[in-house]
Amino acid sequence: MYSLILHGRRSTELHKWRNFSVSVKLLQNVFSAFSNSFSSAADVSLRDGRKGKNFTISYLVDSLGLPIKLAGSISRKVRFENKANPDSVLSLLRSHGFTDSQISTIITDFPTLLILDAEKSLAPKFQFLQSRGASSSELTQIVSTVPEILGKRGDKTLSLCYDFVKESLVADKSSKLEKLCHSLPEGKQEDKIRNVSVLRELGMPHKLLFSLLTSVGQPVCGKDRFDASLKKIVEMGFDPTTAKFVKALYVVYNLSDKTIEEKVHIYKRLGFAVEDVWVIFKKWPFSLKFSEEKITQTIETLKMCGLNENEVLQVLKKYPQFIRMSQQKILNFIETFLSLGFSRDEFTMIVKCFPMCFGLSGETVKKKTEFVVKKTNWSLKDTTSFPQVFGYSLEKRIVPRCNVIKALMSRGLLGSELPSMASVLACNDHAFVKRYVRKQNDKELVAELMAIFIGKKRNFRLKSLKHDDKASE
């Protein structure tokens, strides 16, 4: 595996890709002749999807008190269009003694719970665990620690998983724990006990250890292969308390040395240096799981977005997760920008300056563009010159700051032209307040601007701002 690092030489010639002509033509058609018309079925599907996402976000914020950003993240994993089922799930959890704080943690870690059938799926599991002697306090503690337990099927699997988490919380060296490790499927019993002990000594939390023990192709099975895999990822500097450690262990354990070398050679043929491959792996271990065809397709698609070969390689080194992006998602992303009025050249400039925009949803791009252009009166050209705007929170940064600027403009305090988007949005909160709020001579106006800036939902430290002002006097 490491021989490639020592003896590999970089190949700058891209491996010829096959079966890609249709894909390229699709992309060319998007750029050359974009049509604003979509089929009625697509429109309905899009509206329904947005409706479900918006309802899910509102529900998570209102019912569980989750931050909007976290609720938005969860809505990408699970969606629902009415509150009947999630309400029944929350009601069931509360009836078993779970606090609001515990419920918020459970849903954050395992949002799929909200779409499970409370009566037919979840209630029987609670009844089964209680029939085995689980107390209310024990049940809430264990489920809060590893809520994925409630997603397990079958009484035997459920009881094994529950008991494992229970005993691992009680003591590190429990005879009961050894008995449980014997009961878990796959792998030699003694090896599994030893490997679990090693991972726990490294500081791996229960939640991550649980996912390793119950996953397909368990890396904790076996001895020599486990030792070799663990040694490699520890030497690479992975933190055993993080999910990335588990992903790296899973990839290295399930790929032979020969396969890993072949994967590295693929990246080399596509223009990456060997050391770059391992930098990418440390950022995103699943980078070694993809086929040459998929990696090549992503590279060629990014080229069609206007990036040259070197720019594509730089983007993938920084954001290797883009390798898994489907071509259709990229096509939809391009359509979003063109439908908002951006030209092909402007889209290319945005991608070059802020490649992270590929990780955003079309809905997010649309909302932010419409706000800064229609509500604040910046132009599309201004947005193209500062594409980092797409990475800022609409609720926490863009809206409150732009509202302050609009208030100042309406009073003629900033002249006839808007300040640049970068000067308004790129600075931190303290610098913004000092630049646009505190410099005003009218104390009543300062108070009004601060009220606009802070808003009801902003968690901003006024005392710190006042302290900064006194220090600067």
Foldseek 3Di string as FASTA:
>chain_A
DCVCVVDNDFDAAADDAPPCVVLLVVLVCCFPPNDPDDDPVVVVVVVVLVLFLVVQLVCCCVVLVDDSVLSNVLSVVDTDNDCPQLVLLVVLCVVLPADSVLVNLLCSVPVVSSVDHCVPQQVVLVVLVVVVPQHSVLVSVQCSQAVCLSVDDDPVSSVLLSVLSSVVVVDLDDPVNLVSLCVQDDADSVQLNVLLSVLVVLPADPNLSSCLSPDPPRLSHDHPLNVVQLVVVVVLPDRSNDNLSVLSSSLSSPDDPVLQVVLLVLVSSRGDRSVLVSLLCSVPVCLSVDDSNLQVSLQVLLVSLVDDSVLSSVLCSVPVVSSPDDSVLVSVLSSLCVSLPDHSVLSSLLCSVCVCCSVDHSVLVVVQVCCCCVVLNDDSVLCSVPVCSSVDDCVQAVQLQSVLQVVCVVVCNPPDDGDRPCCRGVDDPLSNCVVRQPVDPDPVSSVVSVCSNQDPPRDDDVVVSVVVVVVVD
